[in-house]
């Protein structure tokens, strides 16, 4: 398999649009910015903390994470797609962030170093709905670290439910391994995080889940 074919294999169909916005490293849809901001606020990060953004995409959450951890902190993004990683690195370069890095790897296989004070998984169903990915990442979270996930779900709202078939169709543009949305896609994550709080957005078609890591953060722990 050629390098080009390998890069395409690791990039979902929608990810091939990354090239179109590459000249605009700071692009992020306006409607999603308030949710990103809220997601980072829920991490309760402080100056000097280390934040882990798994499934970081083109780095849309980086500005809020950098602001939260300050110049003495660090932001580590993880992105599986080589094409999308280019956009994330261009954003870092454009903004001159010296405390942000992107690691190109799958969450299930990445080898992290050190520990982190907060974990963000924004629109990363392959991560927050994967027991294998969480088992690989969670040992690198500090005791009582905050964990936040944002993603799509099927809606029980009368109006939102009309759009459930559209949501299912859109997920066909992602990886074949990406779990298809259901009404509670945070279930696997909830086994590892205490007191998961759920907020719904966009007619119940999106969710924001947040909670804290339990005292022991090994992959064998289970919490409801």
N, C-alpha and C. Protein backbone atom coordinates (compact mmCIF):
# COMPACT_ATOMS: atom_id res chain seq x y z
N UNK A 1 0.85 -1.19 0.00
CA UNK A 1 0.00 0.00 0.00
C UNK A 1 0.88 1.24 0.00
N UNK A 2 0.59 2.18 -0.90
CA UNK A 2 1.39 3.40 -1.01
C UNK A 2 1.12 4.31 0.18
N UNK A 3 1.99 5.31 0.36
CA UNK A 3 1.81 6.27 1.44
C UNK A 3 0.50 7.01 1.27
N UNK A 4 0.19 7.40 0.05
CA UNK A 4 -1.05 8.12 -0.22
C UNK A 4 -2.26 7.27 0.14
N UNK A 5 -2.24 5.99 -0.23
CA UNK A 5 -3.35 5.10 0.08
C UNK A 5 -3.50 4.90 1.58
N UNK A 6 -2.37 4.82 2.29
CA UNK A 6 -2.41 4.65 3.73
C UNK A 6 -3.02 5.88 4.40
N UNK A 7 -2.65 7.07 3.92
CA UNK A 7 -3.20 8.30 4.48
C UNK A 7 -4.70 8.38 4.25
N UNK A 8 -5.15 7.94 3.09
CA UNK A 8 -6.58 7.97 2.78
C UNK A 8 -7.34 6.97 3.63
N UNK A 9 -6.73 5.82 3.89
CA UNK A 9 -7.36 4.79 4.71
C UNK A 9 -7.61 5.29 6.12
N UNK A 10 -6.70 6.11 6.63
CA UNK A 10 -6.79 6.62 8.00
C UNK A 10 -7.60 7.91 8.10
N UNK A 11 -8.20 8.33 6.99
CA UNK A 11 -8.99 9.55 6.98
C UNK A 11 -10.42 9.23 6.56
N UNK A 12 -11.40 9.54 7.41
CA UNK A 12 -12.80 9.30 7.03
C UNK A 12 -13.20 10.16 5.85
N UNK A 13 -14.32 9.85 5.22
CA UNK A 13 -14.74 10.57 4.02
C UNK A 13 -14.84 12.08 4.26
N UNK A 14 -15.44 12.47 5.38
CA UNK A 14 -15.58 13.90 5.64
C UNK A 14 -14.23 14.55 5.86
N UNK A 15 -13.25 13.76 6.30
CA UNK A 15 -11.94 14.31 6.58
C UNK A 15 -11.20 14.79 5.35
N UNK A 16 -11.60 14.31 4.18
CA UNK A 16 -10.94 14.74 2.96
C UNK A 16 -11.28 16.18 2.62
N UNK A 17 -12.25 16.77 3.33
CA UNK A 17 -12.56 18.19 3.17
C UNK A 17 -11.51 19.05 3.87
N UNK A 18 -10.64 18.40 4.65
CA UNK A 18 -9.63 19.16 5.40
C UNK A 18 -8.78 20.02 4.47
N UNK A 19 -8.51 19.52 3.29
CA UNK A 19 -7.69 20.27 2.34
C UNK A 19 -8.32 21.58 1.93
N UNK A 20 -9.66 21.62 1.93
CA UNK A 20 -10.36 22.83 1.50
C UNK A 20 -10.21 23.97 2.49
N UNK A 21 -10.10 23.63 3.78
CA UNK A 21 -9.98 24.69 4.79
C UNK A 21 -8.54 24.88 5.27
N UNK A 22 -7.62 24.17 4.65
CA UNK A 22 -6.22 24.26 5.07
C UNK A 22 -5.67 25.68 5.01
N UNK A 23 -6.08 26.50 4.04
CA UNK A 23 -5.60 27.89 4.02
C UNK A 23 -6.14 28.72 5.18
N UNK A 24 -7.12 28.17 5.92
CA UNK A 24 -7.74 28.90 7.03
C UNK A 24 -7.60 28.08 8.32
N UNK A 25 -6.41 28.06 8.91
CA UNK A 25 -6.13 27.17 10.04
C UNK A 25 -7.04 27.36 11.25
N UNK A 26 -7.56 28.58 11.43
CA UNK A 26 -8.38 28.86 12.61
C UNK A 26 -9.88 28.67 12.36
N UNK A 27 -10.23 28.11 11.22
CA UNK A 27 -11.65 27.93 10.91
C UNK A 27 -12.31 26.93 11.86
N UNK A 28 -13.48 27.31 12.35
CA UNK A 28 -14.31 26.43 13.17
C UNK A 28 -15.74 26.94 13.05
N UNK A 29 -16.72 26.06 12.78
CA UNK A 29 -18.10 26.54 12.64
C UNK A 29 -18.55 27.34 13.85
N UNK A 30 -19.19 28.47 13.60
CA UNK A 30 -19.58 29.37 14.69
C UNK A 30 -20.51 28.71 15.69
N UNK A 31 -21.41 27.84 15.21
CA UNK A 31 -22.40 27.26 16.11
C UNK A 31 -21.79 26.29 17.12
N UNK A 32 -20.60 25.77 16.81
CA UNK A 32 -19.99 24.77 17.69
C UNK A 32 -19.06 25.41 18.71
N UNK A 33 -18.65 26.64 18.51
CA UNK A 33 -17.69 27.29 19.41
C UNK A 33 -18.19 27.38 20.85
N UNK A 34 -19.46 27.76 21.10
CA UNK A 34 -19.91 27.82 22.50
C UNK A 34 -19.88 26.46 23.19
N UNK A 35 -20.11 25.39 22.43
CA UNK A 35 -20.07 24.06 23.03
C UNK A 35 -18.64 23.67 23.36
N UNK A 36 -17.70 24.01 22.48
CA UNK A 36 -16.28 23.75 22.76
C UNK A 36 -15.86 24.49 24.04
N UNK A 37 -16.27 25.75 24.11
CA UNK A 37 -15.90 26.55 25.27
C UNK A 37 -16.44 25.92 26.55
N UNK A 38 -17.71 25.48 26.51
CA UNK A 38 -18.32 24.86 27.68
C UNK A 38 -17.62 23.55 28.02
N UNK A 39 -17.27 22.77 27.00
CA UNK A 39 -16.58 21.50 27.24
C UNK A 39 -15.27 21.71 27.97
N UNK A 40 -14.50 22.72 27.56
CA UNK A 40 -13.22 22.99 28.20
C UNK A 40 -13.44 23.53 29.61
N UNK A 41 -14.45 24.35 29.80
CA UNK A 41 -14.74 24.86 31.15
C UNK A 41 -15.04 23.71 32.10
N UNK A 42 -15.72 22.67 31.61
CA UNK A 42 -16.07 21.53 32.46
C UNK A 42 -14.84 20.71 32.88
N UNK A 43 -13.71 20.91 32.20
CA UNK A 43 -12.49 20.21 32.58
C UNK A 43 -11.86 20.80 33.84
N UNK A 44 -12.27 22.01 34.20
CA UNK A 44 -11.74 22.67 35.41
C UNK A 44 -10.22 22.75 35.42
N UNK A 45 -9.65 23.05 34.28
CA UNK A 45 -8.19 23.15 34.18
C UNK A 45 -7.70 24.46 34.82
N UNK A 46 -6.44 24.42 35.24
CA UNK A 46 -5.84 25.62 35.82
C UNK A 46 -4.44 25.81 35.25
N UNK A 47 -3.88 26.96 35.55
CA UNK A 47 -2.54 27.31 35.07
C UNK A 47 -1.55 26.19 35.41
N UNK A 48 -0.80 25.76 34.39
CA UNK A 48 0.23 24.75 34.60
C UNK A 48 -0.24 23.32 34.40
N UNK A 49 -1.52 23.11 34.16
CA UNK A 49 -2.04 21.75 33.96
C UNK A 49 -1.65 21.20 32.59
N UNK A 50 -1.76 19.87 32.47
CA UNK A 50 -1.59 19.20 31.17
C UNK A 50 -2.96 18.71 30.72
N UNK A 51 -3.33 19.06 29.49
CA UNK A 51 -4.63 18.67 28.94
C UNK A 51 -4.42 17.75 27.75
N UNK A 52 -5.23 16.69 27.68
CA UNK A 52 -5.16 15.72 26.60
C UNK A 52 -6.42 15.82 25.76
N UNK A 53 -6.26 16.12 24.48
CA UNK A 53 -7.37 16.28 23.54
C UNK A 53 -7.30 15.14 22.53
N UNK A 54 -8.05 14.08 22.79
CA UNK A 54 -7.97 12.87 21.95
C UNK A 54 -9.06 12.93 20.88
N UNK A 55 -8.65 12.74 19.63
CA UNK A 55 -9.55 12.96 18.52
C UNK A 55 -9.67 14.46 18.29
N UNK A 56 -8.53 15.14 18.33
CA UNK A 56 -8.52 16.61 18.32
C UNK A 56 -8.93 17.21 17.00
N UNK A 57 -8.96 16.40 15.91
CA UNK A 57 -9.32 16.94 14.62
C UNK A 57 -8.37 18.05 14.20
N UNK A 58 -8.88 19.12 13.60
CA UNK A 58 -8.01 20.22 13.16
C UNK A 58 -7.64 21.18 14.28
N UNK A 59 -7.95 20.81 15.52
CA UNK A 59 -7.53 21.63 16.66
C UNK A 59 -8.50 22.71 17.07
N UNK A 60 -9.78 22.50 16.81
CA UNK A 60 -10.77 23.51 17.15
C UNK A 60 -10.85 23.84 18.63
N UNK A 61 -10.49 22.90 19.48
CA UNK A 61 -10.56 23.13 20.93
C UNK A 61 -9.26 23.71 21.49
N UNK A 62 -8.21 23.74 20.68
CA UNK A 62 -6.92 24.20 21.17
C UNK A 62 -6.96 25.61 21.79
N UNK A 63 -7.62 26.59 21.16
CA UNK A 63 -7.58 27.94 21.75
C UNK A 63 -8.11 27.98 23.18
N UNK A 64 -9.16 27.23 23.45
CA UNK A 64 -9.76 27.23 24.79
C UNK A 64 -8.88 26.46 25.78
N UNK A 65 -8.28 25.38 25.31
CA UNK A 65 -7.40 24.61 26.17
C UNK A 65 -6.14 25.39 26.52
N UNK A 66 -5.56 26.07 25.53
CA UNK A 66 -4.36 26.86 25.76
C UNK A 66 -4.66 27.98 26.76
N UNK A 67 -5.79 28.61 26.61
CA UNK A 67 -6.18 29.68 27.54
C UNK A 67 -6.32 29.12 28.96
N UNK A 68 -6.85 27.89 29.06
CA UNK A 68 -7.11 27.30 30.38
C UNK A 68 -5.82 26.90 31.10
N UNK A 69 -4.85 26.35 30.39
CA UNK A 69 -3.63 25.86 31.06
C UNK A 69 -2.53 26.91 31.13
N UNK A 70 -2.67 27.99 30.36
CA UNK A 70 -1.67 29.05 30.40
C UNK A 70 -0.36 28.65 29.75
N UNK A 71 0.58 29.56 29.76
CA UNK A 71 1.88 29.33 29.13
C UNK A 71 2.70 28.26 29.84
N UNK A 72 2.43 28.05 31.12
CA UNK A 72 3.19 27.06 31.87
C UNK A 72 2.59 25.66 31.77
N UNK A 73 1.43 25.56 31.14
CA UNK A 73 0.79 24.26 30.96
C UNK A 73 1.09 23.66 29.60
N UNK A 74 0.44 22.55 29.30
CA UNK A 74 0.68 21.88 28.02
C UNK A 74 -0.61 21.27 27.50
N UNK A 75 -0.76 21.32 26.18
CA UNK A 75 -1.89 20.68 25.49
C UNK A 75 -1.33 19.66 24.52
N UNK A 76 -1.81 18.42 24.64
CA UNK A 76 -1.39 17.35 23.73
C UNK A 76 -2.62 16.88 22.97
N UNK A 77 -2.58 17.02 21.65
CA UNK A 77 -3.66 16.55 20.81
C UNK A 77 -3.31 15.23 20.18
N UNK A 78 -4.30 14.37 20.03
CA UNK A 78 -4.10 13.07 19.39
C UNK A 78 -5.08 12.98 18.23
N UNK A 79 -4.57 12.69 17.04
CA UNK A 79 -5.42 12.60 15.85
C UNK A 79 -4.93 11.46 14.96
N UNK A 80 -5.86 10.59 14.56
CA UNK A 80 -5.49 9.42 13.77
C UNK A 80 -5.25 9.76 12.30
N UNK A 81 -5.94 10.77 11.78
CA UNK A 81 -5.88 11.07 10.34
C UNK A 81 -4.69 11.93 9.98
N UNK A 82 -3.83 11.48 9.09
CA UNK A 82 -2.69 12.29 8.65
C UNK A 82 -3.14 13.59 7.98
N UNK A 83 -4.21 13.52 7.20
CA UNK A 83 -4.69 14.70 6.50
C UNK A 83 -5.19 15.76 7.47
N UNK A 84 -5.94 15.35 8.47
CA UNK A 84 -6.49 16.30 9.44
C UNK A 84 -5.41 16.79 10.39
N UNK A 85 -4.41 15.95 10.67
CA UNK A 85 -3.31 16.36 11.53
C UNK A 85 -2.56 17.55 10.95
N UNK A 86 -2.48 17.61 9.64
CA UNK A 86 -1.82 18.74 8.98
C UNK A 86 -2.50 20.04 9.38
N UNK A 87 -3.83 20.03 9.37
CA UNK A 87 -4.58 21.23 9.73
C UNK A 87 -4.32 21.64 11.17
N UNK A 88 -4.27 20.64 12.07
CA UNK A 88 -4.04 20.93 13.48
C UNK A 88 -2.66 21.56 13.67
N UNK A 89 -1.66 21.05 12.98
CA UNK A 89 -0.30 21.60 13.11
C UNK A 89 -0.21 22.99 12.50
N UNK A 90 -0.96 23.24 11.44
CA UNK A 90 -0.99 24.58 10.84
C UNK A 90 -1.62 25.57 11.81
N UNK A 91 -2.62 25.13 12.55
CA UNK A 91 -3.24 26.02 13.54
C UNK A 91 -2.24 26.38 14.64
N UNK A 92 -1.49 25.38 15.08
CA UNK A 92 -0.47 25.62 16.10
C UNK A 92 0.56 26.62 15.60
N UNK A 93 1.02 26.41 14.37
CA UNK A 93 2.03 27.30 13.79
C UNK A 93 1.48 28.72 13.63
N UNK A 94 0.25 28.82 13.15
CA UNK A 94 -0.35 30.14 12.92
C UNK A 94 -0.45 30.94 14.22
N UNK A 95 -0.76 30.25 15.31
CA UNK A 95 -0.96 30.94 16.59
C UNK A 95 0.30 31.03 17.44
N UNK A 96 1.37 30.38 16.99
CA UNK A 96 2.63 30.47 17.71
C UNK A 96 2.61 29.79 19.07
N UNK A 97 1.80 28.74 19.20
CA UNK A 97 1.72 28.02 20.48
C UNK A 97 2.94 27.10 20.62
N UNK A 98 3.71 27.31 21.66
CA UNK A 98 4.88 26.48 21.90
C UNK A 98 4.60 25.36 22.90
N UNK A 99 3.43 25.39 23.49
CA UNK A 99 3.09 24.37 24.49
C UNK A 99 1.97 23.45 24.00
N UNK A 100 1.84 23.35 22.67
CA UNK A 100 0.82 22.47 22.07
C UNK A 100 1.51 21.55 21.07
N UNK A 101 1.17 20.27 21.14
CA UNK A 101 1.71 19.32 20.17
C UNK A 101 0.61 18.38 19.70
N UNK A 102 0.79 17.84 18.52
CA UNK A 102 -0.15 16.87 17.97
C UNK A 102 0.59 15.56 17.72
N UNK A 103 0.01 14.49 18.22
CA UNK A 103 0.56 13.16 17.99
C UNK A 103 -0.37 12.43 17.03
N UNK A 104 0.18 11.94 15.96
CA UNK A 104 -0.59 11.25 14.93
C UNK A 104 -0.64 9.76 15.27
N UNK A 105 -1.77 9.31 15.81
CA UNK A 105 -1.90 7.92 16.23
C UNK A 105 -3.34 7.61 16.56
N UNK A 106 -3.65 6.33 16.62
CA UNK A 106 -4.97 5.89 17.07
C UNK A 106 -4.99 5.86 18.58
N UNK A 107 -6.13 6.22 19.16
CA UNK A 107 -6.23 6.25 20.63
C UNK A 107 -5.98 4.88 21.23
N UNK A 108 -6.31 3.83 20.50
CA UNK A 108 -6.13 2.47 21.01
C UNK A 108 -4.67 2.06 21.10
N UNK A 109 -3.80 2.75 20.32
CA UNK A 109 -2.41 2.32 20.23
C UNK A 109 -1.41 3.35 20.74
N UNK A 110 -1.84 4.57 20.94
CA UNK A 110 -0.89 5.64 21.26
C UNK A 110 -0.13 5.36 22.56
N UNK A 111 1.14 5.74 22.56
CA UNK A 111 1.97 5.59 23.74
C UNK A 111 2.20 6.98 24.33
N UNK A 112 1.49 7.27 25.36
CA UNK A 112 1.58 8.57 26.02
C UNK A 112 2.65 8.55 27.10
N UNK A 113 3.16 9.71 27.42
CA UNK A 113 4.12 9.84 28.50
C UNK A 113 3.59 10.83 29.53
N UNK A 114 3.89 10.59 30.78
CA UNK A 114 3.43 11.48 31.83
C UNK A 114 1.95 11.32 32.12
N UNK A 115 1.43 12.21 32.93
CA UNK A 115 0.02 12.17 33.31
C UNK A 115 -0.66 13.47 32.95
N UNK A 116 -2.00 13.43 32.89
CA UNK A 116 -2.78 14.58 32.45
C UNK A 116 -3.86 14.91 33.48
N UNK A 117 -4.18 16.20 33.54
CA UNK A 117 -5.16 16.69 34.50
C UNK A 117 -6.57 16.71 33.93
N UNK A 118 -6.69 16.61 32.62
CA UNK A 118 -8.00 16.62 32.00
C UNK A 118 -7.98 15.94 30.64
N UNK A 119 -9.08 15.25 30.30
CA UNK A 119 -9.20 14.55 29.03
C UNK A 119 -10.42 15.06 28.30
N UNK A 120 -10.21 15.53 27.07
CA UNK A 120 -11.30 15.98 26.21
C UNK A 120 -11.42 15.05 25.02
N UNK A 121 -12.65 14.64 24.71
CA UNK A 121 -12.92 13.81 23.53
C UNK A 121 -14.09 14.48 22.82
N UNK A 122 -13.78 15.37 21.91
CA UNK A 122 -14.80 16.19 21.26
C UNK A 122 -15.11 15.61 19.88
N UNK A 123 -16.34 15.16 19.71
CA UNK A 123 -16.77 14.54 18.45
C UNK A 123 -15.85 13.36 18.10
N UNK A 124 -15.56 12.55 19.10
CA UNK A 124 -14.61 11.44 18.94
C UNK A 124 -15.25 10.14 19.40
N UNK A 125 -16.27 9.68 18.69
CA UNK A 125 -16.99 8.47 19.08
C UNK A 125 -16.09 7.24 19.07
N UNK A 126 -15.09 7.24 18.20
CA UNK A 126 -14.15 6.10 18.16
C UNK A 126 -13.34 5.99 19.44
N UNK A 127 -13.35 7.05 20.24
CA UNK A 127 -12.59 7.07 21.48
C UNK A 127 -13.50 6.84 22.68
N UNK A 128 -14.47 7.73 22.88
CA UNK A 128 -15.29 7.64 24.10
C UNK A 128 -16.21 6.43 24.12
N UNK A 129 -16.46 5.82 22.94
CA UNK A 129 -17.31 4.63 22.89
C UNK A 129 -16.50 3.36 22.69
N UNK A 130 -15.18 3.45 22.87
CA UNK A 130 -14.30 2.31 22.69
C UNK A 130 -13.65 1.93 24.01
N UNK A 131 -13.97 0.76 24.52
CA UNK A 131 -13.37 0.30 25.78
C UNK A 131 -11.86 0.15 25.62
N UNK A 132 -11.42 -0.29 24.43
CA UNK A 132 -9.99 -0.47 24.18
C UNK A 132 -9.25 0.86 24.23
N UNK A 133 -9.84 1.89 23.61
CA UNK A 133 -9.20 3.20 23.61
C UNK A 133 -9.13 3.78 25.02
N UNK A 134 -10.23 3.69 25.76
CA UNK A 134 -10.25 4.23 27.11
C UNK A 134 -9.28 3.49 28.02
N UNK A 135 -9.17 2.17 27.83
CA UNK A 135 -8.25 1.38 28.65
C UNK A 135 -6.80 1.80 28.40
N UNK A 136 -6.51 2.27 27.20
CA UNK A 136 -5.15 2.69 26.87
C UNK A 136 -4.84 4.10 27.39
N UNK A 137 -5.88 4.95 27.44
CA UNK A 137 -5.68 6.35 27.80
C UNK A 137 -5.79 6.61 29.31
N UNK A 138 -6.77 5.99 29.94
CA UNK A 138 -7.10 6.35 31.32
C UNK A 138 -5.96 6.15 32.33
N UNK A 139 -5.08 5.18 32.16
CA UNK A 139 -3.96 5.06 33.10
C UNK A 139 -3.05 6.30 33.12
N UNK A 140 -3.18 7.16 32.12
CA UNK A 140 -2.35 8.36 32.06
C UNK A 140 -3.06 9.58 32.63
N UNK A 141 -4.23 9.38 33.24
CA UNK A 141 -4.95 10.49 33.87
C UNK A 141 -4.66 10.50 35.36
N UNK A 142 -4.50 11.69 35.89
CA UNK A 142 -4.23 11.82 37.31
C UNK A 142 -5.49 11.54 38.12
N UNK A 143 -5.29 11.23 39.38
CA UNK A 143 -6.42 10.99 40.28
C UNK A 143 -7.35 12.20 40.27
N UNK A 144 -8.63 11.92 40.12
CA UNK A 144 -9.67 12.96 40.10
C UNK A 144 -9.60 13.86 38.88
N UNK A 145 -8.90 13.45 37.84
CA UNK A 145 -8.88 14.22 36.60
C UNK A 145 -10.29 14.34 36.03
N UNK A 146 -10.55 15.45 35.38
CA UNK A 146 -11.85 15.65 34.76
C UNK A 146 -11.86 15.06 33.35
N UNK A 147 -13.00 14.48 32.96
CA UNK A 147 -13.16 13.86 31.65
C UNK A 147 -14.42 14.42 31.00
N UNK A 148 -14.29 14.88 29.76
CA UNK A 148 -15.42 15.47 29.05
C UNK A 148 -15.49 14.90 27.65
N UNK A 149 -16.69 14.53 27.22
CA UNK A 149 -16.91 14.00 25.87
C UNK A 149 -18.11 14.71 25.23
N UNK A 150 -17.97 15.03 23.97
CA UNK A 150 -19.06 15.61 23.20
C UNK A 150 -19.28 14.76 21.96
N UNK A 151 -20.53 14.52 21.61
CA UNK A 151 -20.78 13.73 20.42
C UNK A 151 -22.24 13.70 20.03
N UNK A 152 -22.55 12.86 19.06
CA UNK A 152 -23.90 12.75 18.52
C UNK A 152 -24.66 11.62 19.22
N UNK A 153 -25.97 11.77 19.30
CA UNK A 153 -26.83 10.75 19.87
C UNK A 153 -28.18 10.79 19.17
N UNK A 154 -28.90 9.70 19.25
CA UNK A 154 -30.27 9.70 18.75
C UNK A 154 -31.15 10.48 19.72
N UNK A 155 -32.08 11.22 19.17
CA UNK A 155 -32.89 12.11 19.98
C UNK A 155 -34.24 11.48 20.33
N UNK A 156 -34.69 11.78 21.56
CA UNK A 156 -36.04 11.42 21.98
C UNK A 156 -36.97 12.63 21.91
N UNK A 157 -36.39 13.78 21.58
CA UNK A 157 -37.17 14.98 21.38
C UNK A 157 -38.06 14.82 20.15
N UNK A 158 -39.29 15.31 20.23
CA UNK A 158 -40.24 15.10 19.13
C UNK A 158 -39.70 15.62 17.80
N UNK A 159 -39.13 16.81 17.81
CA UNK A 159 -38.58 17.37 16.58
C UNK A 159 -37.24 16.73 16.23
N UNK A 160 -36.42 16.52 17.24
CA UNK A 160 -35.11 15.94 16.99
C UNK A 160 -35.19 14.54 16.42
N UNK A 161 -36.16 13.77 16.87
CA UNK A 161 -36.30 12.39 16.41
C UNK A 161 -36.54 12.31 14.91
N UNK A 162 -37.12 13.36 14.33
CA UNK A 162 -37.34 13.39 12.88
C UNK A 162 -36.01 13.34 12.14
N UNK A 163 -34.97 13.87 12.79
CA UNK A 163 -33.65 13.94 12.16
C UNK A 163 -32.77 12.74 12.48
N UNK A 164 -33.25 11.80 13.25
CA UNK A 164 -32.45 10.62 13.57
C UNK A 164 -31.96 9.87 12.33
N UNK A 165 -32.82 9.67 11.31
CA UNK A 165 -32.33 8.98 10.10
C UNK A 165 -31.21 9.76 9.40
N UNK A 166 -31.28 11.08 9.44
CA UNK A 166 -30.24 11.90 8.82
C UNK A 166 -28.93 11.72 9.57
N UNK A 167 -29.02 11.68 10.90
CA UNK A 167 -27.82 11.48 11.72
C UNK A 167 -27.17 10.14 11.40
N UNK A 168 -27.97 9.11 11.28
CA UNK A 168 -27.43 7.79 10.94
C UNK A 168 -26.72 7.83 9.59
N UNK A 169 -27.30 8.55 8.64
CA UNK A 169 -26.69 8.65 7.31
C UNK A 169 -25.36 9.38 7.37
N UNK A 170 -25.30 10.47 8.15
CA UNK A 170 -24.06 11.23 8.26
C UNK A 170 -22.94 10.39 8.86
N UNK A 171 -23.28 9.49 9.77
CA UNK A 171 -22.26 8.65 10.39
C UNK A 171 -21.66 7.67 9.40
N UNK A 172 -22.33 7.44 8.28
CA UNK A 172 -21.77 6.56 7.26
C UNK A 172 -20.57 7.20 6.58
N UNK A 173 -20.37 8.51 6.78
CA UNK A 173 -19.23 9.21 6.21
C UNK A 173 -17.99 9.09 7.08
N UNK A 174 -18.14 8.49 8.26
CA UNK A 174 -17.01 8.33 9.16
C UNK A 174 -16.35 6.98 8.93
N UNK A 175 -15.45 6.59 9.85
CA UNK A 175 -14.80 5.30 9.74
C UNK A 175 -15.84 4.18 9.84
N UNK A 176 -15.57 3.06 9.21
CA UNK A 176 -16.47 1.92 9.31
C UNK A 176 -16.52 1.37 10.73
N UNK A 177 -15.48 1.65 11.50
CA UNK A 177 -15.41 1.17 12.88
C UNK A 177 -16.09 2.11 13.87
N UNK A 178 -16.49 3.30 13.40
CA UNK A 178 -17.11 4.27 14.31
C UNK A 178 -18.47 3.76 14.78
N UNK A 179 -18.69 3.67 16.10
CA UNK A 179 -19.98 3.20 16.60
C UNK A 179 -21.11 4.10 16.12
N UNK A 180 -22.18 3.51 15.62
CA UNK A 180 -23.31 4.30 15.17
C UNK A 180 -24.04 4.86 16.38
N UNK A 181 -24.59 6.06 16.27
CA UNK A 181 -25.19 6.71 17.45
C UNK A 181 -26.42 5.97 17.95
N UNK A 182 -26.58 5.96 19.28
CA UNK A 182 -27.80 5.47 19.90
C UNK A 182 -28.24 6.52 20.90
N UNK A 183 -29.16 6.18 21.78
CA UNK A 183 -29.69 7.18 22.70
C UNK A 183 -28.75 7.48 23.87
N UNK A 184 -27.81 6.59 24.18
CA UNK A 184 -26.89 6.80 25.30
C UNK A 184 -25.47 6.35 24.92
N UNK A 185 -24.82 7.04 24.01
CA UNK A 185 -23.49 6.61 23.55
C UNK A 185 -22.38 6.80 24.58
N UNK A 186 -22.72 7.35 25.75
CA UNK A 186 -21.71 7.58 26.80
C UNK A 186 -21.64 6.40 27.78
N UNK A 187 -22.35 5.31 27.51
CA UNK A 187 -22.43 4.21 28.48
C UNK A 187 -21.07 3.63 28.84
N UNK A 188 -20.24 3.38 27.84
CA UNK A 188 -18.92 2.78 28.11
C UNK A 188 -18.07 3.74 28.92
N UNK A 189 -18.12 5.01 28.60
CA UNK A 189 -17.38 6.01 29.35
C UNK A 189 -17.84 6.08 30.80
N UNK A 190 -19.14 5.96 31.01
CA UNK A 190 -19.71 6.08 32.36
C UNK A 190 -19.23 4.99 33.30
N UNK A 191 -18.75 3.88 32.77
CA UNK A 191 -18.23 2.81 33.63
C UNK A 191 -16.92 3.19 34.29
N UNK A 192 -16.25 4.21 33.73
CA UNK A 192 -14.93 4.57 34.22
C UNK A 192 -14.89 5.94 34.89
N UNK A 193 -16.01 6.64 34.87
CA UNK A 193 -16.05 8.01 35.39
C UNK A 193 -17.15 8.12 36.43
N UNK A 194 -16.87 8.86 37.49
CA UNK A 194 -17.85 9.04 38.55
C UNK A 194 -18.85 10.14 38.21
N UNK A 195 -20.10 9.91 38.60
CA UNK A 195 -21.12 10.95 38.57
C UNK A 195 -21.16 11.67 37.21
N UNK A 196 -21.41 10.92 36.15
CA UNK A 196 -21.45 11.51 34.83
C UNK A 196 -22.67 12.42 34.68
N UNK A 197 -22.40 13.65 34.27
CA UNK A 197 -23.47 14.62 34.04
C UNK A 197 -23.67 14.77 32.54
N UNK A 198 -24.93 14.74 32.10
CA UNK A 198 -25.25 14.81 30.68
C UNK A 198 -26.04 16.06 30.37
N UNK A 199 -25.58 16.80 29.38
CA UNK A 199 -26.33 17.94 28.85
C UNK A 199 -26.62 17.66 27.38
N UNK A 200 -27.82 17.98 26.93
CA UNK A 200 -28.19 17.75 25.54
C UNK A 200 -28.24 19.07 24.77
N UNK A 201 -27.89 18.98 23.47
CA UNK A 201 -27.87 20.14 22.60
C UNK A 201 -28.56 19.80 21.28
N UNK A 202 -28.92 20.84 20.54
CA UNK A 202 -29.43 20.70 19.19
C UNK A 202 -30.56 19.67 19.10
N UNK A 203 -31.64 19.96 19.83
CA UNK A 203 -32.85 19.12 19.82
C UNK A 203 -32.57 17.70 20.31
N UNK A 204 -31.58 17.56 21.18
CA UNK A 204 -31.27 16.25 21.74
C UNK A 204 -30.44 15.37 20.84
N UNK A 205 -29.90 15.94 19.75
CA UNK A 205 -29.09 15.16 18.81
C UNK A 205 -27.61 15.16 19.17
N UNK A 206 -27.24 15.97 20.13
CA UNK A 206 -25.86 16.04 20.59
C UNK A 206 -25.85 16.01 22.12
N UNK A 207 -24.74 15.55 22.69
CA UNK A 207 -24.63 15.48 24.14
C UNK A 207 -23.27 15.95 24.59
N UNK A 208 -23.22 16.42 25.82
CA UNK A 208 -21.96 16.78 26.47
C UNK A 208 -21.95 16.04 27.79
N UNK A 209 -21.01 15.09 27.92
CA UNK A 209 -20.89 14.27 29.13
C UNK A 209 -19.65 14.67 29.89
N UNK A 210 -19.78 14.81 31.21
CA UNK A 210 -18.62 15.22 32.01
C UNK A 210 -18.65 14.51 33.36
N UNK A 211 -17.47 14.29 33.89
CA UNK A 211 -17.35 13.64 35.19
C UNK A 211 -15.90 13.62 35.63
N UNK A 212 -15.64 13.03 36.77
CA UNK A 212 -14.29 12.95 37.31
C UNK A 212 -13.83 11.51 37.39
N UNK A 213 -12.54 11.34 37.19
CA UNK A 213 -11.95 10.01 37.31
C UNK A 213 -12.03 9.55 38.76
N UNK A 214 -12.22 8.29 38.96
CA UNK A 214 -12.29 7.75 40.31
C UNK A 214 -10.89 7.72 40.93
N UNK A 215 -10.82 7.38 42.21
CA UNK A 215 -9.56 7.39 42.95
C UNK A 215 -8.52 6.49 42.29
N UNK A 216 -8.95 5.31 41.87
CA UNK A 216 -8.05 4.40 41.16
C UNK A 216 -8.41 4.47 39.70
N UNK A 217 -7.42 4.72 38.81
CA UNK A 217 -7.73 4.97 37.41
C UNK A 217 -7.29 3.86 36.48
N UNK A 218 -7.10 2.66 36.98
CA UNK A 218 -6.70 1.56 36.11
C UNK A 218 -7.87 1.09 35.27
N UNK A 219 -7.59 0.36 34.17
CA UNK A 219 -8.65 -0.06 33.26
C UNK A 219 -9.61 -1.06 33.86
N UNK A 220 -9.31 -1.64 35.03
CA UNK A 220 -10.23 -2.62 35.59
C UNK A 220 -11.30 -1.96 36.46
N UNK A 221 -11.18 -0.64 36.74
CA UNK A 221 -12.16 0.03 37.58
C UNK A 221 -13.47 0.23 36.84
N UNK A 222 -14.57 0.17 37.54
CA UNK A 222 -15.87 0.40 36.95
C UNK A 222 -16.69 1.26 37.90
N UNK A 223 -17.31 2.29 37.33
CA UNK A 223 -18.11 3.17 38.16
C UNK A 223 -19.40 3.50 37.42
N UNK A 224 -20.48 3.62 38.17
CA UNK A 224 -21.75 3.96 37.54
C UNK A 224 -22.10 5.40 37.84
